[in-house]
C-alpha atoms as a PDB file:
ATOM      1  CA  MET A   1     -31.740  -1.829 -58.116  1.00  0.00           C
ATOM      2  CA  LYS A   2     -33.698   2.051 -59.917  1.00  0.00           C
ATOM      3  CA  VAL A   3     -35.736   1.622 -57.071  1.00  0.00           C
ATOM      4  CA  LEU A   4     -33.669   1.320 -54.259  1.00  0.00           C
ATOM      5  CA  ALA A   5     -31.775   4.295 -55.460  1.00  0.00           C
ATOM      6  CA  LEU A   6     -34.883   5.727 -56.079  1.00  0.00           C
ATOM      7  CA  LEU A   7     -35.849   5.478 -52.475  1.00  0.00           C
ATOM      8  CA  PHE A   8     -32.473   6.531 -51.179  1.00  0.00           C
ATOM      9  CA  LEU A   9     -32.848   9.607 -53.223  1.00  0.00           C
ATOM     10  CA  THR A  10     -36.897  10.706 -52.514  1.00  0.00           C
ATOM     11  CA  PHE A  11     -35.093   9.289 -48.314  1.00  0.00           C
ATOM     12  CA  THR A  12     -31.962  11.736 -48.519  1.00  0.00           C
ATOM     13  CA  LEU A  13     -33.573  15.340 -50.518  1.00  0.00           C
ATOM     14  CA  PRO A  14     -34.023  18.284 -48.311  1.00  0.00           C
ATOM     15  CA  GLY A  15     -37.527  18.267 -49.703  1.00  0.00           C
ATOM     16  CA  ALA A  16     -37.972  14.943 -48.117  1.00  0.00           C
ATOM     17  CA  PRO A  17     -40.576  14.287 -45.588  1.00  0.00           C
ATOM     18  CA  LYS A  18     -39.501  13.815 -42.304  1.00  0.00           C
ATOM     19  CA  ALA A  19     -40.501  11.489 -39.795  1.00  0.00           C
ATOM     20  CA  PRO A  20     -42.051  13.749 -36.600  1.00  0.00           C
ATOM     21  CA  LEU A  21     -40.538  14.782 -33.506  1.00  0.00           C
ATOM     22  CA  PRO A  22     -42.024  13.282 -30.407  1.00  0.00           C
ATOM     23  CA  GLN A  23     -43.622  15.585 -28.251  1.00  0.00           C
ATOM     24  CA  PRO A  24     -43.113  16.310 -24.802  1.00  0.00           C
ATOM     25  CA  VAL A  25     -44.355  14.919 -22.067  1.00  0.00           C
ATOM     26  CA  GLU A  26     -45.581  16.858 -19.730  1.00  0.00           C
ATOM     27  CA  THR A  27     -44.760  16.281 -15.580  1.00  0.00           C
ATOM     28  CA  ARG A  28     -46.124  17.088 -12.641  1.00  0.00           C
ATOM     29  CA  PRO A  29     -44.078  20.368 -10.772  1.00  0.00           C
ATOM     30  CA  VAL A  30     -42.086  19.218  -8.247  1.00  0.00           C
ATOM     31  CA  GLN A  31     -43.736  19.109  -4.924  1.00  0.00           C
ATOM     32  CA  GLU A  32     -41.594  21.697  -2.649  1.00  0.00           C
ATOM     33  CA  ALA A  33     -40.695  19.867   0.547  1.00  0.00           C
ATOM     34  CA  ARG A  34     -42.312  20.284   3.535  1.00  0.00           C
ATOM     35  CA  LYS A  35     -40.840  21.239   6.817  1.00  0.00           C
ATOM     36  CA  GLY A  36     -41.718  20.078  10.768  1.00  0.00           C
ATOM     37  CA  GLY A  37     -43.290  15.773   9.808  1.00  0.00           C
ATOM     38  CA  VAL A  38     -43.065  13.837  12.784  1.00  0.00           C
ATOM     39  CA  TRP A  39     -42.626   9.714  11.588  1.00  0.00           C
ATOM     40  CA  TYR A  40     -45.637   7.159  12.635  1.00  0.00           C
ATOM     41  CA  PHE A  41     -46.080   4.210  13.134  1.00  0.00           C
ATOM     42  CA  ALA A  42     -49.546   3.287  10.804  1.00  0.00           C
ATOM     43  CA  ASP A  43     -52.237   0.607  12.054  1.00  0.00           C
ATOM     44  CA  THR A  44     -50.787  -1.658   9.119  1.00  0.00           C
ATOM     45  CA  GLY A  45     -47.718  -1.652  10.145  1.00  0.00           C
ATOM     46  CA  HIS A  46     -45.907   0.446   8.157  1.00  0.00           C
ATOM     47  CA  ALA A  47     -43.871   4.240   8.644  1.00  0.00           C
ATOM     48  CA  VAL A  48     -45.011   7.016   7.353  1.00  0.00           C
ATOM     49  CA  TYR A  49     -44.872  10.980   7.290  1.00  0.00           C
ATOM     50  CA  CYS A  50     -46.989  13.607   8.864  1.00  0.00           C
ATOM     51  CA  TYR A  51     -47.100  16.959   8.762  1.00  0.00           C
ATOM     52  CA  GLY A  52     -50.410  17.365  10.787  1.00  0.00           C
ATOM     53  CA  PRO A  53     -52.011  17.228  14.769  1.00  0.00           C
ATOM     54  CA  VAL A  54     -52.133  13.746  15.871  1.00  0.00           C
ATOM     55  CA  MET A  55     -55.898  13.910  16.760  1.00  0.00           C
ATOM     56  CA  TYR A  56     -58.651  11.393  18.217  1.00  0.00           C
ATOM     57  CA  ILE A  57     -61.552  10.763  15.731  1.00  0.00           C
ATOM     58  CA  THR A  58     -64.235   8.882  15.966  1.00  0.00           C
ATOM     59  CA  ASP A  59     -65.103   6.009  13.450  1.00  0.00           C
ATOM     60  CA  PRO A  60     -68.291   4.423  12.745  1.00  0.00           C
ATOM     61  CA  GLN A  61     -68.971   2.425  15.274  1.00  0.00           C
ATOM     62  CA  GLY A  62     -68.466   5.314  18.246  1.00  0.00           C
ATOM     63  CA  ALA A  63     -64.811   4.086  19.476  1.00  0.00           C
ATOM     64  CA  PRO A  64     -61.842   6.842  19.409  1.00  0.00           C
ATOM     65  CA  LEU A  65     -59.669   6.088  16.656  1.00  0.00           C
ATOM     66  CA  HIS A  66     -55.396   7.071  17.087  1.00  0.00           C
ATOM     67  CA  VAL A  67     -55.149   9.315  13.224  1.00  0.00           C
ATOM     68  CA  ALA A  68     -52.354  11.609  11.847  1.00  0.00           C
ATOM     69  CA  THR A  69     -52.951  13.743   9.532  1.00  0.00           C
ATOM     70  CA  PHE A  70     -52.058  15.435   6.318  1.00  0.00           C
ATOM     71  CA  CYS A  71     -49.707  12.810   5.645  1.00  0.00           C
ATOM     72  CA  GLN A  72     -47.040  12.417   2.689  1.00  0.00           C
ATOM     73  CA  GLY A  73     -48.673  11.195  -0.015  1.00  0.00           C
ATOM     74  CA  GLU A  74     -52.152  11.399  -1.618  1.00  0.00           C
ATOM     75  CA  LYS A  75     -53.260  10.799   1.848  1.00  0.00           C
ATOM     76  CA  LEU A  76     -55.382  13.293   4.658  1.00  0.00           C
ATOM     77  CA  ILE A  77     -55.949  10.616   7.481  1.00  0.00           C
ATOM     78  CA  VAL A  78     -53.990   7.469   8.979  1.00  0.00           C
ATOM     79  CA  PRO A  79     -54.970   5.534  11.607  1.00  0.00           C
ATOM     80  CA  LEU A  80     -52.338   5.118  14.279  1.00  0.00           C
ATOM     81  CA  LYS A  81     -50.550   1.994  16.144  1.00  0.00           C
ATOM     82  CA  GLU A  82     -51.619   2.004  19.337  1.00  0.00           C
END
């Protein structure tokens, strides 16, 4: 009984050690919305929202490849469905 009372007093006294507060988590800055993008149908079958021009580039075999540029997310170039 005395042990419980002693434990209670040690945690309720003003100078008692307290659990540290959690540190704030750093978040990515919110990107501002861009204007002027267009939805395209990607070669993978998904819709992509791109801000850059649509152009033809050559693939490693030398054939022309229709692509959209500067797409939403981390994609710089997305092949388009013909």
